Amino acid sequence: MLFAKNGVESTTMNDIAKASQRGRRTLYTYFSSKNDIYKAVIESELDVLYNKLEEVTRRDMPADDKLLMLAFTRLNAIKEVVTRNGTLKADFFRDIWQVETVRKGFDNKEIYYLEVIIRDGCEKGIFHLKDIKQTAEILHYAFKGLEVPTIRGALKLDYSKKGDRELISNLIFKGLYSE
């Protein structure tokens, strides 16, 4: 993709028209600017994330295991998206506001997925919570806070490693009182 190769600032509508084998007029029929095209690229990448998270929510497994898998799946998927898109990594950190604007829908959907998992856990007696929605929101923002260190490689959490799963599991389910 051009944005990954050249960055948003250096990519022109002419570059996009040439790469897509479309005329500039055709592009302007669907998009008012290259920033709108960039947003569409981000949205298409977020669709990949939606699918991965939705796949986790559909799994037949206990809610606590599902919640843990969702946390690791989303971190790995976000890292893959940013890494795959090259300069999107630089743009992600430089223009976080634009990324956050596009992400609002994703964030709301993720909170919904968390609510579904938590509600299921409450109904099956795994969790005992008073406010499912607020808990889902807090977990969402906690997971979101792990994104930048994961993308930059400062935090290397791996679902396949039992110790990493236990660490995150203890923090989520037992808090700072865990052993």
Protein backbone atom coordinates (compact mmCIF):
# COMPACT_ATOMS: atom_id res chain seq x y z
CA MET A 1 0.00 0.00 0.00
CA LEU A 2 1.18 3.49 -0.80
CA PHE A 3 0.59 4.84 2.69
CA ALA A 4 2.76 2.08 4.13
CA LYS A 5 5.53 2.76 1.61
CA ASN A 6 5.46 6.56 1.41
CA GLY A 7 3.50 7.73 4.42
CA VAL A 8 0.32 9.76 4.36
CA GLU A 9 1.99 13.14 3.92
CA SER A 10 4.11 12.05 0.94
CA THR A 11 1.33 10.20 -0.89
CA THR A 12 -0.62 12.26 -3.41
CA MET A 13 -4.01 11.69 -4.98
CA ASN A 14 -2.16 11.19 -8.29
CA ASP A 15 -0.11 8.39 -6.67
CA ILE A 16 -3.30 6.76 -5.39
CA ALA A 17 -5.05 7.11 -8.77
CA LYS A 18 -2.10 5.56 -10.58
CA ALA A 19 -1.71 2.68 -8.10
CA SER A 20 -5.43 1.91 -8.13
CA GLN A 21 -5.64 2.26 -11.91
CA ARG A 22 -8.45 4.77 -11.50
CA GLY A 23 -8.74 8.37 -12.50
CA ARG A 24 -8.51 11.14 -9.95
CA ARG A 25 -12.11 12.10 -10.75
CA THR A 26 -13.22 8.58 -9.88
CA LEU A 27 -11.38 8.78 -6.57
CA TYR A 28 -12.99 12.12 -5.79
CA THR A 29 -16.40 10.54 -6.47
CA TYR A 30 -15.87 8.30 -3.44
CA PHE A 31 -13.40 10.26 -1.31
CA SER A 32 -13.05 13.98 -0.75
CA SER A 33 -9.35 13.79 0.14
CA LYS A 34 -6.40 11.47 0.64
CA ASN A 35 -7.12 11.66 4.37
CA ASP A 36 -10.52 10.09 3.68
CA ILE A 37 -8.75 7.32 1.78
CA TYR A 38 -6.33 6.90 4.68
CA LYS A 39 -9.28 6.62 7.08
CA ALA A 40 -10.80 3.98 4.79
CA VAL A 41 -7.52 2.03 4.95
CA ILE A 42 -7.55 2.20 8.75
CA GLU A 43 -11.21 1.13 8.79
CA SER A 44 -10.46 -1.86 6.57
CA GLU A 45 -7.65 -2.89 8.92
CA LEU A 46 -10.01 -2.51 11.86
CA ASP A 47 -12.39 -4.90 10.11
CA VAL A 48 -9.63 -7.52 10.33
CA LEU A 49 -9.46 -6.85 14.07
CA TYR A 50 -13.26 -7.09 14.41
CA ASN A 51 -13.22 -10.49 12.77
CA LYS A 52 -10.50 -11.79 15.10
CA LEU A 53 -12.27 -10.53 18.20
CA GLU A 54 -15.61 -11.84 17.03
CA GLU A 55 -14.05 -15.23 16.43
CA VAL A 56 -12.87 -15.28 20.05
CA THR A 57 -16.30 -14.30 21.39
CA ARG A 58 -17.89 -17.21 19.48
CA ARG A 59 -15.56 -19.83 20.95
CA ASP A 60 -17.05 -22.43 23.24
CA MET A 61 -14.93 -21.88 26.34
CA PRO A 62 -15.34 -20.50 29.86
CA ALA A 63 -15.72 -16.72 30.05
CA ASP A 64 -12.50 -16.19 32.03
CA ASP A 65 -10.44 -18.08 29.43
CA LYS A 66 -12.25 -16.25 26.64
CA LEU A 67 -11.53 -12.87 28.23
CA LEU A 68 -7.86 -13.71 28.51
CA MET A 69 -7.71 -14.93 24.91
CA LEU A 70 -9.45 -11.75 23.74
CA ALA A 71 -6.82 -9.59 25.48
CA PHE A 72 -3.92 -11.39 23.80
CA THR A 73 -5.68 -11.66 20.43
CA ARG A 74 -6.37 -7.92 20.25
CA LEU A 75 -2.81 -6.97 21.23
CA ASN A 76 -1.29 -9.32 18.65
CA ALA A 77 -3.74 -8.24 15.95
CA ILE A 78 -3.10 -4.53 16.53
CA LYS A 79 0.64 -5.09 16.47
CA GLU A 80 0.31 -7.06 13.21
CA VAL A 81 -1.77 -4.31 11.57
CA VAL A 82 0.64 -1.55 12.51
CA THR A 83 3.73 -3.60 11.63
CA ARG A 84 2.25 -4.79 8.31
CA ASN A 85 1.54 -1.24 7.28
CA GLY A 86 5.09 0.04 7.66
CA THR A 87 4.87 3.79 7.95
CA LEU A 88 1.45 3.44 9.48
CA LYS A 89 3.54 2.71 12.56
CA ALA A 90 5.10 6.16 12.38
CA ASP A 91 1.77 7.76 11.50
CA PHE A 92 0.10 5.89 14.35
CA PHE A 93 2.36 7.62 16.85
CA ARG A 94 2.56 10.97 15.04
CA ASP A 95 -1.14 11.41 14.32
CA ILE A 96 -2.78 9.45 17.11
CA TRP A 97 -5.76 11.83 17.06
CA GLN A 98 -6.74 10.78 13.53
CA VAL A 99 -6.34 7.10 14.37
CA GLU A 100 -8.40 7.57 17.54
CA THR A 101 -11.18 9.28 15.57
CA VAL A 102 -11.46 6.28 13.27
CA ARG A 103 -11.14 3.86 16.20
CA LYS A 104 -14.19 5.10 18.12
CA GLY A 105 -16.43 2.56 16.40
CA PHE A 106 -13.91 -0.20 17.01
CA ASP A 107 -13.62 0.74 20.68
CA ASN A 108 -17.39 0.62 21.11
CA LYS A 109 -17.58 -2.76 19.44
CA GLU A 110 -14.77 -4.11 21.60
CA ILE A 111 -16.53 -2.89 24.73
CA TYR A 112 -19.65 -4.70 23.50
CA TYR A 113 -17.65 -7.93 23.03
CA LEU A 114 -16.25 -7.56 26.54
CA GLU A 115 -19.76 -7.02 27.92
CA VAL A 116 -20.98 -10.19 26.18
CA ILE A 117 -18.14 -12.24 27.66
CA ILE A 118 -18.51 -10.74 31.14
CA ARG A 119 -22.31 -11.15 31.13
CA ASP A 120 -21.88 -14.79 30.13
CA GLY A 121 -19.38 -15.24 32.97
CA CYS A 122 -21.79 -13.65 35.45
CA GLU A 123 -24.68 -15.83 34.27
CA LYS A 124 -22.53 -18.95 34.71
CA GLY A 125 -21.26 -17.88 38.14
CA ILE A 126 -17.64 -17.33 37.04
CA PHE A 127 -17.76 -13.57 37.70
CA HIS A 128 -19.62 -11.68 40.40
CA LEU A 129 -19.96 -8.06 39.27
CA LYS A 130 -22.42 -5.28 39.89
CA ASP A 131 -21.72 -3.17 36.80
CA ILE A 132 -20.93 -5.19 33.67
CA LYS A 133 -20.81 -2.19 31.33
CA GLN A 134 -18.39 -0.18 33.46
CA THR A 135 -16.19 -3.24 34.01
CA ALA A 136 -16.08 -3.81 30.24
CA GLU A 137 -15.12 -0.16 29.66
CA ILE A 138 -12.34 -0.28 32.26
CA LEU A 139 -10.95 -3.52 30.82
CA HIS A 140 -11.07 -2.02 27.33
CA TYR A 141 -9.02 0.99 28.39
CA ALA A 142 -6.60 -1.19 30.35
CA PHE A 143 -6.04 -3.37 27.26
CA LYS A 144 -5.75 -0.26 25.10
CA GLY A 145 -3.03 1.04 27.42
CA LEU A 146 -0.93 -2.02 26.59
CA GLU A 147 -0.99 -1.31 22.85
CA VAL A 148 1.83 1.21 22.48
CA PRO A 149 4.37 -0.77 24.56
CA THR A 150 3.38 -3.90 22.62
CA ILE A 151 3.68 -2.20 19.22
CA ARG A 152 7.05 -0.71 20.13
CA GLY A 153 8.26 -4.10 21.38
CA ALA A 154 8.84 -2.90 24.95
CA LEU A 155 6.23 -5.37 26.19
CA LYS A 156 6.37 -8.87 24.75
CA LEU A 157 3.31 -10.76 25.91
CA ASP A 158 2.71 -14.14 24.31
CA TYR A 159 -0.49 -16.14 24.75
CA SER A 160 1.39 -19.38 24.12
CA LYS A 161 3.56 -18.75 27.20
CA LYS A 162 1.91 -20.00 30.38
CA GLY A 163 3.70 -17.39 32.51
CA ASP A 164 2.38 -14.52 30.39
CA ARG A 165 -1.17 -15.92 30.53
CA GLU A 166 -0.91 -16.32 34.30
CA LEU A 167 0.44 -12.79 34.75
CA ILE A 168 -2.40 -11.16 32.80
CA SER A 169 -4.95 -13.55 34.29
CA ASN A 170 -3.87 -12.71 37.84
CA LEU A 171 -4.01 -8.97 37.14
CA ILE A 172 -7.45 -9.18 35.54
CA PHE A 173 -9.07 -11.61 37.95
CA LYS A 174 -7.21 -11.09 41.22
CA GLY A 175 -5.79 -7.60 40.86
CA LEU A 176 -2.72 -6.58 42.75
CA TYR A 177 -3.53 -8.99 45.55
CA SER A 178 -2.55 -11.98 43.41
CA GLU A 179 0.44 -14.05 44.44
